[in-house]
Each structure stands twice: as structure tokens, then as C-alpha cells.
């Protein structure tokens, strides 16, 4: 005899009305992106008892390529300024800083963005969990998402609920979206659809 397991929503999701879509759309299967391997124990400890992980990944390194290219652009800008006005370098140090800071700022800001975007993202059967570079953990149920917008802090997307928010960096945003779609493709929100200004939600 074949047995089927029923997946129950998280406690905070159970009060939300759910509508099941019938028809052709319900028969389509969304492939789940590949995870990098076995979930580490420190990340698994953030799961509820028996909670399945659909997909996970983490950004734990800084991508230096855009930072280096932005730094090269800043140096090139200074070289052009020097070619046209070599006397710039004979100015007082305070005046020089007014020139150097704008040239170095884009690379510095990009480096800061890469630094804060380091995190782990877990998609379960009903929630998105993010553990940021400080070890801070936040969880947002799919049906508790109220707003999706561009995250100017890390360049990815920001999912906001009534009490929680999670930041997904651009390196992980597309796979996280696909994993979320695999769990929510046949489920509609109840009376209120999330505000999605970036068109990220499936």
C-alpha cells in the first residue's frame, strides 16, 4: 500500500487562507536548483523538527572582480586628471583628499556591499531562512511576504513581512526564487497579494 506524507505549514502560516489551482498549471513541475552539498550542522540547527530543506546555498566569499575593475576605473580617472592638470598633486593634503575620496568611493562602496552580502539562504517547504554574516537568523513564511523590493544594501532583493524581513544577495536570488516557485507555484495568497515592485515573486 502506498503512503503519502502531508506537509503542514509553519504555525505562523496556518491562519492564512490558501487556494489551490486546478488544471494545466497545476501539473507543471518546477525543477529545484542544485544545492552545494549536505547542509552544515550549524545551518541545520536553525530548522524546526522535521522541517525539510528544498534548497540551500551560501555566499561566504567576496567577489573581488567588480571591486578591482571599479578601482581601476578610479585610477584611470585620476590619471586623466593628472594628464590635464598635473598641478593637482601640489595641492594641500585636504584638497587632495577631496579628489581622492570621490575616485575611491565607488570601489569602497562595492567592497562594503560584497562584505555585508555574505550569508546563507535556506528555502524550506514553507519559509525562507537567512543567516547573515554576523550569524543573525531571520525567517519569513511564504504566505507572510507582504512586500518585495530591491535591497540597496546588498544589491539583491528584500522580502518583508509584518514582523520579519530577509535579504537575499544577487548571487543567490535567482536560485532562491526558483526554489520558492517549486513550493508555491500552485498556491495563491488569500485576500492580499504581496507588493512586488521588482517582479521577483514567481
Protein backbone atom coordinates (compact mmCIF):
# COMPACT_ATOMS: atom_id res chain seq x y z
CA UNK A 1 0.00 0.00 0.00
CA UNK A 2 1.37 3.40 -0.97
CA UNK A 3 1.54 6.03 1.74
CA UNK A 4 1.76 9.75 1.21
CA UNK A 5 3.18 12.31 3.61
CA UNK A 6 1.31 15.56 4.08
CA UNK A 7 3.43 18.70 4.53
CA UNK A 8 1.98 21.05 7.14
CA UNK A 9 2.64 24.81 7.05
CA UNK A 10 4.57 26.57 9.79
CA UNK A 11 2.44 27.76 12.74
CA UNK A 12 2.53 31.40 11.62
CA UNK A 13 1.19 30.37 8.20
CA UNK A 14 -1.76 28.25 9.29
CA UNK A 15 -4.17 31.15 9.74
CA UNK A 16 -3.76 32.30 6.14
CA UNK A 17 -6.38 31.23 3.57
CA UNK A 18 -4.96 29.09 0.78
CA UNK A 19 -6.37 28.48 -2.67
CA UNK A 20 -5.30 25.50 -4.76
CA UNK A 21 -5.14 25.93 -8.52
CA UNK A 22 -6.51 23.11 -10.63
CA UNK A 23 -5.87 22.50 -14.30
CA UNK A 24 -2.89 22.52 -16.61
CA UNK A 25 -0.78 24.86 -14.48
CA UNK A 26 -1.01 22.51 -11.52
CA UNK A 27 0.56 19.68 -13.49
CA UNK A 28 3.77 21.54 -14.22
CA UNK A 29 6.74 20.70 -12.07
CA UNK A 30 9.27 23.41 -11.27
CA UNK A 31 12.80 21.96 -11.03
CA UNK A 32 14.64 22.79 -7.83
CA UNK A 33 18.16 24.22 -8.27
CA UNK A 34 21.05 22.13 -7.00
CA UNK A 35 22.40 22.79 -3.52
CA UNK A 36 26.18 22.77 -2.95
CA UNK A 37 26.06 19.64 -0.80
CA UNK A 38 24.98 18.41 2.61
CA UNK A 39 23.59 21.14 4.83
CA UNK A 40 26.18 22.03 7.54
CA UNK A 41 25.14 21.32 11.11
CA UNK A 42 25.32 24.96 12.16
CA UNK A 43 22.75 25.83 9.49
CA UNK A 44 20.64 22.72 10.09
CA UNK A 45 20.26 23.77 13.73
CA UNK A 46 18.04 26.66 12.58
CA UNK A 47 15.41 24.27 11.19
CA UNK A 48 12.31 23.16 13.04
CA UNK A 49 11.97 19.50 13.93
CA UNK A 50 11.21 17.55 10.76
CA UNK A 51 11.36 20.64 8.54
CA UNK A 52 12.59 19.71 5.03
CA UNK A 53 15.10 21.84 3.13
CA UNK A 54 14.19 22.29 -0.52
CA UNK A 55 17.35 24.22 -1.42
CA UNK A 56 20.21 25.99 0.30
CA UNK A 57 23.35 27.86 -0.63
CA UNK A 58 25.65 30.44 0.83
CA UNK A 59 27.81 33.34 -0.23
CA UNK A 60 30.84 33.23 2.02
CA UNK A 61 33.46 34.95 -0.12
CA UNK A 62 33.90 38.41 -1.56
CA UNK A 63 33.86 38.66 -5.34
CA UNK A 64 36.90 40.85 -5.93
CA UNK A 65 36.50 41.22 -9.70
CA UNK A 66 33.99 44.10 -9.73
CA UNK A 67 35.85 45.78 -6.87
CA UNK A 68 39.14 45.60 -8.80
CA UNK A 69 37.54 46.86 -12.00
CA UNK A 70 35.97 49.77 -10.14
CA UNK A 71 39.34 50.54 -8.54
CA UNK A 72 41.00 50.51 -11.97
CA UNK A 73 38.35 52.93 -13.23
CA UNK A 74 39.12 55.25 -10.32
CA UNK A 75 42.86 55.12 -11.02
CA UNK A 76 42.20 55.80 -14.71
CA UNK A 77 40.13 58.82 -13.76
CA UNK A 78 42.99 60.16 -11.64
CA UNK A 79 45.44 59.51 -14.48
CA UNK A 80 43.31 61.54 -16.88
CA UNK A 81 43.02 64.35 -14.35
CA UNK A 82 46.80 64.30 -13.86
CA UNK A 83 47.43 64.45 -17.61
CA UNK A 84 45.32 67.57 -17.96
CA UNK A 85 46.26 69.23 -14.66
CA UNK A 86 49.49 67.84 -13.13
CA UNK A 87 49.49 70.67 -10.60
CA UNK A 88 46.65 68.90 -8.79
CA UNK A 89 49.17 66.86 -6.81
CA UNK A 90 50.85 70.00 -5.48
CA UNK A 91 47.75 70.99 -3.56
CA UNK A 92 47.44 70.73 0.25
CA UNK A 93 46.52 67.29 1.56
CA UNK A 94 42.97 68.41 2.42
CA UNK A 95 42.38 69.45 -1.17
CA UNK A 96 43.91 66.20 -2.43
CA UNK A 97 41.50 64.20 -0.30
CA UNK A 98 38.61 65.97 -1.99
CA UNK A 99 39.92 64.49 -5.24
CA UNK A 100 40.92 61.04 -3.99
CA UNK A 101 37.79 60.23 -2.00
CA UNK A 102 35.34 60.50 -4.94
CA UNK A 103 37.69 58.41 -7.10
CA UNK A 104 37.98 55.65 -4.47
CA UNK A 105 34.40 55.78 -3.16
CA UNK A 106 32.73 53.53 -5.80
CA UNK A 107 35.22 50.69 -5.22
CA UNK A 108 34.95 51.12 -1.44
CA UNK A 109 31.14 51.04 -1.54
CA UNK A 110 31.17 47.97 -3.76
CA UNK A 111 33.55 46.24 -1.35
CA UNK A 112 31.25 47.11 1.57
CA UNK A 113 28.28 45.69 -0.34
CA UNK A 114 30.17 42.45 -1.03
CA UNK A 115 31.09 42.23 2.66
CA UNK A 116 27.56 42.62 4.03
CA UNK A 117 26.02 40.35 1.38
CA UNK A 118 27.78 37.27 2.78
CA UNK A 119 25.08 34.97 4.11
CA UNK A 120 23.41 31.57 3.89
CA UNK A 121 19.92 31.18 2.39
CA UNK A 122 17.68 28.19 3.10
CA UNK A 123 14.35 27.56 1.37
CA UNK A 124 12.12 25.04 3.14
CA UNK A 125 8.66 23.83 2.19
CA UNK A 126 7.08 26.97 3.67
CA UNK A 127 9.73 29.56 4.57
CA UNK A 128 12.86 31.42 3.58
CA UNK A 129 15.60 31.46 6.21
CA UNK A 130 18.62 33.77 6.02
CA UNK A 131 21.68 33.63 8.29
CA UNK A 132 23.70 36.79 7.70
CA UNK A 133 27.45 37.37 8.03
CA UNK A 134 27.05 38.22 11.72
CA UNK A 135 25.21 34.96 12.44
CA UNK A 136 21.86 36.70 12.83
CA UNK A 137 18.97 34.44 11.75
CA UNK A 138 15.63 35.55 10.34
CA UNK A 139 12.78 33.55 8.89
CA UNK A 140 9.85 34.59 6.71
CA UNK A 141 6.98 32.29 5.76
CA UNK A 142 5.99 32.33 2.08
CA UNK A 143 2.45 33.43 2.87
CA UNK A 144 3.68 36.15 5.22
CA UNK A 145 5.53 38.02 2.47
CA UNK A 146 3.94 41.46 2.16
CA UNK A 147 6.45 43.38 0.06
CA UNK A 148 9.35 42.62 -2.28
CA UNK A 149 11.74 45.38 -3.29
CA UNK A 150 15.30 45.97 -4.37
CA UNK A 151 17.75 45.79 -1.49
CA UNK A 152 20.13 48.71 -1.83
CA UNK A 153 22.29 47.35 0.99
CA UNK A 154 23.43 44.19 -0.82
CA UNK A 155 22.12 44.74 -4.35
CA UNK A 156 19.73 41.77 -4.17
CA UNK A 157 16.11 41.57 -3.05
CA UNK A 158 14.47 42.36 0.27
CA UNK A 159 11.45 40.28 1.34
CA UNK A 160 9.37 42.00 4.00
CA UNK A 161 6.64 40.66 6.23
CA UNK A 162 4.66 42.23 9.04
CA UNK A 163 7.37 41.47 11.61
CA UNK A 164 10.28 39.94 9.72
CA UNK A 165 12.44 40.70 6.71
CA UNK A 166 15.10 38.72 4.87
CA UNK A 167 17.78 39.97 2.49
CA UNK A 168 18.85 37.75 -0.40
CA UNK A 169 22.06 38.76 -2.23
CA UNK A 170 22.07 38.88 -6.04
CA UNK A 171 24.32 35.80 -6.29
CA UNK A 172 21.63 33.66 -4.64
CA UNK A 173 18.44 35.49 -5.61
CA UNK A 174 17.62 33.58 -8.81
CA UNK A 175 18.10 30.11 -7.32
CA UNK A 176 16.16 31.14 -4.21
CA UNK A 177 13.32 32.35 -6.44
CA UNK A 178 13.27 29.06 -8.35
CA UNK A 179 13.24 27.04 -5.13
CA UNK A 180 10.42 29.17 -3.76
CA UNK A 181 8.49 28.72 -7.02
CA UNK A 182 8.77 24.95 -6.68
CA UNK A 183 6.85 25.18 -3.40
CA UNK A 184 4.37 27.96 -4.16
CA UNK A 185 3.55 27.60 -7.86
CA UNK A 186 0.13 26.08 -7.18
CA UNK A 187 -0.73 28.20 -4.14
CA UNK A 188 -2.20 31.69 -4.21
CA UNK A 189 -2.18 34.17 -1.34
CA UNK A 190 -5.53 34.84 0.20
CA UNK A 191 -7.14 38.28 0.22
CA UNK A 192 -3.95 40.29 -0.21
CA UNK A 193 -1.27 39.81 -2.84
CA UNK A 194 2.27 40.91 -1.94
CA UNK A 195 3.54 44.20 -3.32
CA UNK A 196 6.31 43.17 -5.73
CA UNK A 197 7.85 46.21 -7.40
CA UNK A 198 10.74 44.22 -8.90
CA UNK A 199 8.71 41.28 -10.25
CA UNK A 200 10.72 38.77 -8.24
CA UNK A 201 7.96 36.55 -6.89
CA UNK A 202 7.04 33.58 -9.13
